[in-house]
N, C-alpha and C. Protein backbone atom coordinates (compact mmCIF):
# COMPACT_ATOMS: atom_id res chain seq x y z
N UNK A 1 62.83 139.87 58.55
CA UNK A 1 63.24 140.52 57.32
C UNK A 1 63.22 139.51 56.19
N UNK A 2 62.77 139.97 55.00
CA UNK A 2 62.65 139.11 53.83
C UNK A 2 63.95 139.22 53.05
N UNK A 3 64.53 138.12 52.79
CA UNK A 3 65.79 138.07 52.03
C UNK A 3 65.59 137.13 50.85
N UNK A 4 65.97 137.62 49.65
CA UNK A 4 65.91 136.78 48.48
C UNK A 4 67.28 136.80 47.82
N UNK A 5 67.49 135.76 47.08
CA UNK A 5 68.77 135.67 46.39
C UNK A 5 68.62 136.36 45.03
N UNK A 6 69.79 136.52 44.37
CA UNK A 6 69.81 137.11 43.04
C UNK A 6 69.03 136.24 42.05
N UNK A 7 69.18 134.93 42.16
CA UNK A 7 68.49 134.02 41.26
C UNK A 7 66.98 134.11 41.46
N UNK A 8 66.50 134.20 42.66
CA UNK A 8 65.05 134.33 42.94
C UNK A 8 64.55 135.66 42.40
N UNK A 9 65.33 136.71 42.51
CA UNK A 9 64.94 138.03 42.02
C UNK A 9 64.80 138.01 40.50
N UNK A 10 65.74 137.31 39.82
CA UNK A 10 65.68 137.18 38.38
C UNK A 10 64.43 136.38 37.95
N UNK A 11 64.13 135.32 38.68
CA UNK A 11 62.93 134.52 38.36
C UNK A 11 61.65 135.34 38.59
N UNK A 12 61.63 136.13 39.66
CA UNK A 12 60.46 136.99 39.91
C UNK A 12 60.34 138.06 38.80
N UNK A 13 61.47 138.58 38.37
CA UNK A 13 61.47 139.60 37.30
C UNK A 13 60.95 138.98 36.00
N UNK A 14 61.36 137.77 35.68
CA UNK A 14 60.88 137.10 34.46
C UNK A 14 59.36 136.88 34.57
N UNK A 15 58.91 136.44 35.73
CA UNK A 15 57.49 136.23 35.94
C UNK A 15 56.67 137.52 35.81
N UNK A 16 57.23 138.60 36.36
CA UNK A 16 56.56 139.90 36.25
C UNK A 16 56.53 140.40 34.81
N UNK A 17 57.60 140.17 34.06
CA UNK A 17 57.61 140.55 32.67
C UNK A 17 56.52 139.83 31.89
N UNK A 18 56.36 138.52 32.15
CA UNK A 18 55.33 137.73 31.50
C UNK A 18 53.92 138.25 31.87
N UNK A 19 53.72 138.51 33.17
CA UNK A 19 52.45 139.04 33.66
C UNK A 19 52.14 140.40 33.01
N UNK A 20 53.15 141.28 32.95
CA UNK A 20 52.94 142.60 32.37
C UNK A 20 52.68 142.52 30.86
N UNK A 21 53.35 141.58 30.20
CA UNK A 21 53.16 141.44 28.74
C UNK A 21 51.74 140.94 28.46
N UNK A 22 51.31 139.95 29.22
CA UNK A 22 49.93 139.43 29.07
C UNK A 22 48.93 140.54 29.41
N UNK A 23 49.21 141.28 30.47
CA UNK A 23 48.34 142.43 30.83
C UNK A 23 48.26 143.46 29.74
N UNK A 24 49.38 143.74 29.10
CA UNK A 24 49.39 144.71 28.01
C UNK A 24 48.56 144.22 26.84
N UNK A 25 48.66 142.95 26.49
CA UNK A 25 47.88 142.37 25.39
C UNK A 25 46.36 142.44 25.75
N UNK A 26 46.05 142.04 26.95
CA UNK A 26 44.61 142.08 27.36
C UNK A 26 44.11 143.53 27.37
N UNK A 27 44.91 144.45 27.90
CA UNK A 27 44.51 145.86 27.90
C UNK A 27 44.31 146.39 26.52
N UNK A 28 45.21 146.03 25.60
CA UNK A 28 45.07 146.51 24.21
C UNK A 28 43.81 145.94 23.57
N UNK A 29 43.47 144.70 23.84
CA UNK A 29 42.28 144.08 23.30
C UNK A 29 41.02 144.75 23.89
N UNK A 30 41.01 145.00 25.18
CA UNK A 30 39.87 145.68 25.81
C UNK A 30 39.76 147.08 25.28
N UNK A 31 40.84 147.80 25.15
CA UNK A 31 40.81 149.17 24.65
C UNK A 31 40.33 149.18 23.21
N UNK A 32 40.70 148.18 22.44
CA UNK A 32 40.25 148.09 21.03
C UNK A 32 38.73 148.01 20.98
N UNK A 33 38.15 147.14 21.80
CA UNK A 33 36.69 147.01 21.76
C UNK A 33 36.01 148.30 22.32
N UNK A 34 36.61 148.90 23.28
CA UNK A 34 36.04 150.15 23.80
C UNK A 34 36.13 151.24 22.71
N UNK A 35 37.27 151.33 22.01
CA UNK A 35 37.41 152.31 20.97
C UNK A 35 36.42 152.07 19.83
N UNK A 36 36.21 150.80 19.49
CA UNK A 36 35.24 150.48 18.44
C UNK A 36 33.85 150.93 18.82
N UNK A 37 33.47 150.67 20.08
CA UNK A 37 32.19 151.10 20.56
C UNK A 37 32.07 152.62 20.56
N UNK A 38 33.16 153.28 20.95
CA UNK A 38 33.20 154.75 20.97
C UNK A 38 33.02 155.34 19.57
N UNK A 39 33.76 154.72 18.62
CA UNK A 39 33.69 155.20 17.22
C UNK A 39 32.26 155.01 16.64
N UNK A 40 31.66 153.85 16.91
CA UNK A 40 30.30 153.62 16.43
C UNK A 40 29.31 154.60 17.07
N UNK A 41 29.48 154.88 18.36
CA UNK A 41 28.60 155.80 19.06
C UNK A 41 28.78 157.22 18.45
N UNK A 42 30.02 157.61 18.16
CA UNK A 42 30.25 158.92 17.59
C UNK A 42 29.63 159.03 16.19
N UNK A 43 29.77 157.98 15.37
CA UNK A 43 29.17 157.98 14.03
C UNK A 43 27.65 158.14 14.10
N UNK A 44 27.00 157.35 15.00
CA UNK A 44 25.57 157.47 15.11
C UNK A 44 25.18 158.84 15.66
N UNK A 45 25.97 159.38 16.56
CA UNK A 45 25.70 160.73 17.05
C UNK A 45 25.77 161.78 15.99
N UNK A 46 26.76 161.67 15.11
CA UNK A 46 26.89 162.63 13.99
C UNK A 46 25.70 162.49 13.03
N UNK A 47 25.32 161.26 12.71
CA UNK A 47 24.14 161.05 11.84
C UNK A 47 22.88 161.60 12.46
N UNK A 48 22.69 161.39 13.77
CA UNK A 48 21.52 161.92 14.47
C UNK A 48 21.52 163.44 14.44
N UNK A 49 22.67 164.06 14.63
CA UNK A 49 22.77 165.52 14.59
C UNK A 49 22.45 166.03 13.21
N UNK A 50 22.95 165.35 12.16
CA UNK A 50 22.70 165.81 10.80
C UNK A 50 21.20 165.74 10.48
N UNK A 51 20.54 164.67 10.85
CA UNK A 51 19.10 164.55 10.61
C UNK A 51 18.34 165.59 11.42
N UNK A 52 18.76 165.81 12.67
CA UNK A 52 18.11 166.80 13.52
C UNK A 52 18.19 168.20 12.93
N UNK A 53 19.32 168.56 12.36
CA UNK A 53 19.50 169.87 11.78
C UNK A 53 18.72 170.05 10.49
N UNK A 54 18.37 168.96 9.82
CA UNK A 54 17.61 169.01 8.57
C UNK A 54 16.12 169.15 8.81
N UNK A 55 15.68 169.04 10.06
CA UNK A 55 14.23 169.19 10.36
C UNK A 55 13.72 170.52 9.89
N UNK A 56 14.50 171.57 10.16
CA UNK A 56 14.05 172.93 9.77
C UNK A 56 14.00 173.03 8.24
N UNK A 57 14.91 172.37 7.54
CA UNK A 57 14.84 172.40 6.07
C UNK A 57 13.60 171.72 5.56
N UNK A 58 13.22 170.61 6.21
CA UNK A 58 11.99 169.91 5.83
C UNK A 58 10.76 170.80 6.09
N UNK A 59 10.75 171.47 7.22
CA UNK A 59 9.61 172.36 7.54
C UNK A 59 9.54 173.55 6.55
N UNK A 60 10.72 174.07 6.22
CA UNK A 60 10.76 175.17 5.23
C UNK A 60 10.22 174.69 3.89
N UNK A 61 10.59 173.48 3.52
CA UNK A 61 10.11 172.92 2.23
C UNK A 61 8.62 172.72 2.26
N UNK A 62 8.10 172.20 3.37
CA UNK A 62 6.64 172.01 3.47
C UNK A 62 5.93 173.36 3.40
N UNK A 63 6.49 174.37 4.02
CA UNK A 63 5.89 175.72 3.96
C UNK A 63 5.92 176.26 2.54
N UNK A 64 7.01 176.03 1.81
CA UNK A 64 7.09 176.48 0.42
C UNK A 64 6.04 175.79 -0.46
N UNK A 65 5.87 174.49 -0.26
CA UNK A 65 4.90 173.75 -1.03
C UNK A 65 3.48 174.26 -0.75
N UNK A 66 3.21 174.51 0.54
CA UNK A 66 1.88 175.03 0.90
C UNK A 66 1.67 176.41 0.27
N UNK A 67 2.69 177.26 0.31
CA UNK A 67 2.60 178.59 -0.31
C UNK A 67 2.40 178.49 -1.82
N UNK A 68 2.97 177.47 -2.45
CA UNK A 68 2.86 177.31 -3.90
C UNK A 68 1.56 176.64 -4.35
N UNK A 69 0.76 176.23 -3.39
CA UNK A 69 -0.52 175.58 -3.68
C UNK A 69 -1.58 176.66 -4.01
N UNK A 70 -2.23 176.51 -5.12
CA UNK A 70 -3.26 177.44 -5.52
C UNK A 70 -4.54 176.69 -5.73
N UNK A 71 -5.62 177.31 -5.30
CA UNK A 71 -6.94 176.71 -5.48
C UNK A 71 -7.88 177.75 -6.01
N UNK A 72 -8.40 177.48 -7.20
CA UNK A 72 -9.26 178.49 -7.82
C UNK A 72 -10.75 178.15 -7.58
N UNK A 73 -11.04 177.28 -6.68
CA UNK A 73 -12.44 176.91 -6.40
C UNK A 73 -12.80 175.58 -7.02
N UNK A 74 -12.10 175.19 -8.03
CA UNK A 74 -12.40 173.90 -8.68
C UNK A 74 -11.21 173.01 -8.86
N UNK A 75 -10.11 173.61 -9.31
CA UNK A 75 -8.91 172.80 -9.63
C UNK A 75 -7.69 173.30 -8.83
N UNK A 76 -7.25 172.50 -7.93
CA UNK A 76 -6.01 172.88 -7.22
C UNK A 76 -4.80 172.63 -8.09
N UNK A 77 -3.82 173.50 -8.02
CA UNK A 77 -2.55 173.26 -8.73
C UNK A 77 -1.41 173.51 -7.78
N UNK A 78 -0.34 172.87 -8.04
CA UNK A 78 0.88 173.04 -7.26
C UNK A 78 1.95 173.57 -8.18
N UNK A 79 2.49 174.71 -7.88
CA UNK A 79 3.57 175.29 -8.66
C UNK A 79 4.87 174.58 -8.22
N UNK A 80 5.74 174.30 -9.23
CA UNK A 80 6.98 173.62 -8.92
C UNK A 80 7.74 174.36 -7.80
N UNK A 81 8.21 173.61 -6.83
CA UNK A 81 8.92 174.18 -5.67
C UNK A 81 10.26 173.47 -5.54
N UNK A 82 11.30 174.24 -5.29
CA UNK A 82 12.62 173.67 -5.07
C UNK A 82 12.98 173.75 -3.60
N UNK A 83 13.44 172.63 -3.06
CA UNK A 83 13.85 172.54 -1.66
C UNK A 83 15.25 171.98 -1.62
N UNK A 84 15.92 172.24 -0.52
CA UNK A 84 17.27 171.76 -0.33
C UNK A 84 17.30 170.81 0.88
N UNK A 85 17.90 169.66 0.67
CA UNK A 85 18.00 168.67 1.75
C UNK A 85 19.40 168.06 1.67
N UNK A 86 20.15 168.22 2.74
CA UNK A 86 21.58 167.77 2.80
C UNK A 86 22.36 168.33 1.63
N UNK A 87 22.06 169.55 1.23
CA UNK A 87 22.82 170.20 0.18
C UNK A 87 22.38 169.83 -1.23
N UNK A 88 21.36 169.00 -1.35
CA UNK A 88 20.85 168.58 -2.64
C UNK A 88 19.55 169.29 -2.92
N UNK A 89 19.42 169.88 -4.09
CA UNK A 89 18.20 170.58 -4.48
C UNK A 89 17.22 169.57 -5.07
N UNK A 90 16.01 169.60 -4.54
CA UNK A 90 14.97 168.67 -4.99
C UNK A 90 13.82 169.54 -5.49
N UNK A 91 13.29 169.19 -6.64
CA UNK A 91 12.12 169.89 -7.20
C UNK A 91 10.86 169.09 -6.92
N UNK A 92 9.88 169.73 -6.33
CA UNK A 92 8.62 169.08 -6.06
C UNK A 92 7.59 169.64 -7.06
N UNK A 93 7.08 168.74 -7.88
CA UNK A 93 6.12 169.16 -8.91
C UNK A 93 4.74 168.63 -8.55
N UNK A 94 3.76 169.14 -9.25
CA UNK A 94 2.38 168.65 -9.09
C UNK A 94 2.38 167.18 -9.56
N UNK A 95 2.03 166.25 -8.71
CA UNK A 95 2.07 164.83 -9.10
C UNK A 95 1.05 164.48 -10.15
N UNK A 96 0.05 165.32 -10.39
CA UNK A 96 -1.00 164.98 -11.33
C UNK A 96 -0.63 165.34 -12.76
N UNK A 97 0.39 166.19 -12.94
CA UNK A 97 0.76 166.59 -14.30
C UNK A 97 1.64 165.51 -14.89
N UNK A 98 1.36 165.09 -16.12
CA UNK A 98 2.19 164.03 -16.73
C UNK A 98 3.56 164.57 -17.07
N UNK A 99 4.59 163.74 -17.02
CA UNK A 99 5.92 164.17 -17.41
C UNK A 99 5.96 164.54 -18.88
N UNK A 100 6.73 165.55 -19.23
CA UNK A 100 6.74 166.03 -20.61
C UNK A 100 7.81 165.36 -21.47
N UNK A 101 8.82 164.75 -20.88
CA UNK A 101 9.89 164.14 -21.67
C UNK A 101 9.57 162.68 -21.94
N UNK A 102 9.49 162.37 -23.23
CA UNK A 102 9.27 161.01 -23.73
C UNK A 102 7.99 160.40 -23.16
N UNK A 103 6.96 161.18 -23.04
CA UNK A 103 5.69 160.66 -22.55
C UNK A 103 5.04 159.83 -23.63
N UNK A 104 4.60 158.61 -23.30
CA UNK A 104 3.94 157.80 -24.33
C UNK A 104 2.59 158.38 -24.71
N UNK A 105 2.29 158.29 -25.98
CA UNK A 105 1.01 158.82 -26.44
C UNK A 105 -0.11 157.83 -26.16
N UNK A 106 -1.28 158.36 -25.93
CA UNK A 106 -2.43 157.51 -25.64
C UNK A 106 -2.86 156.79 -26.91
N UNK A 107 -3.22 155.50 -26.81
CA UNK A 107 -3.66 154.77 -27.99
C UNK A 107 -4.99 155.31 -28.49
N UNK A 108 -5.19 155.27 -29.78
CA UNK A 108 -6.46 155.79 -30.37
C UNK A 108 -7.45 154.70 -30.59
């Protein structure tokens, strides 16, 4: 039979408290790094999902631009098309038409 004295039990208890305190600190540090990795993984997952869901918006926009394309046999024109991407409306104009606001005049 194992017999210990009160003083030995107190010393063992102090040792166990120190071991448990160190274990708690190490566990908190490990959990912190695991949580950081988990948070980063969740953020990247949300970004990937957002981009994935916008694929259909991009395809719809491409279809609108193709539908707005006119060809009369000689000169193709693109009618201004509005598309939505991440809730922002974007206007796609014919890139060959010069901008009308503050356009510099050609030198004579």
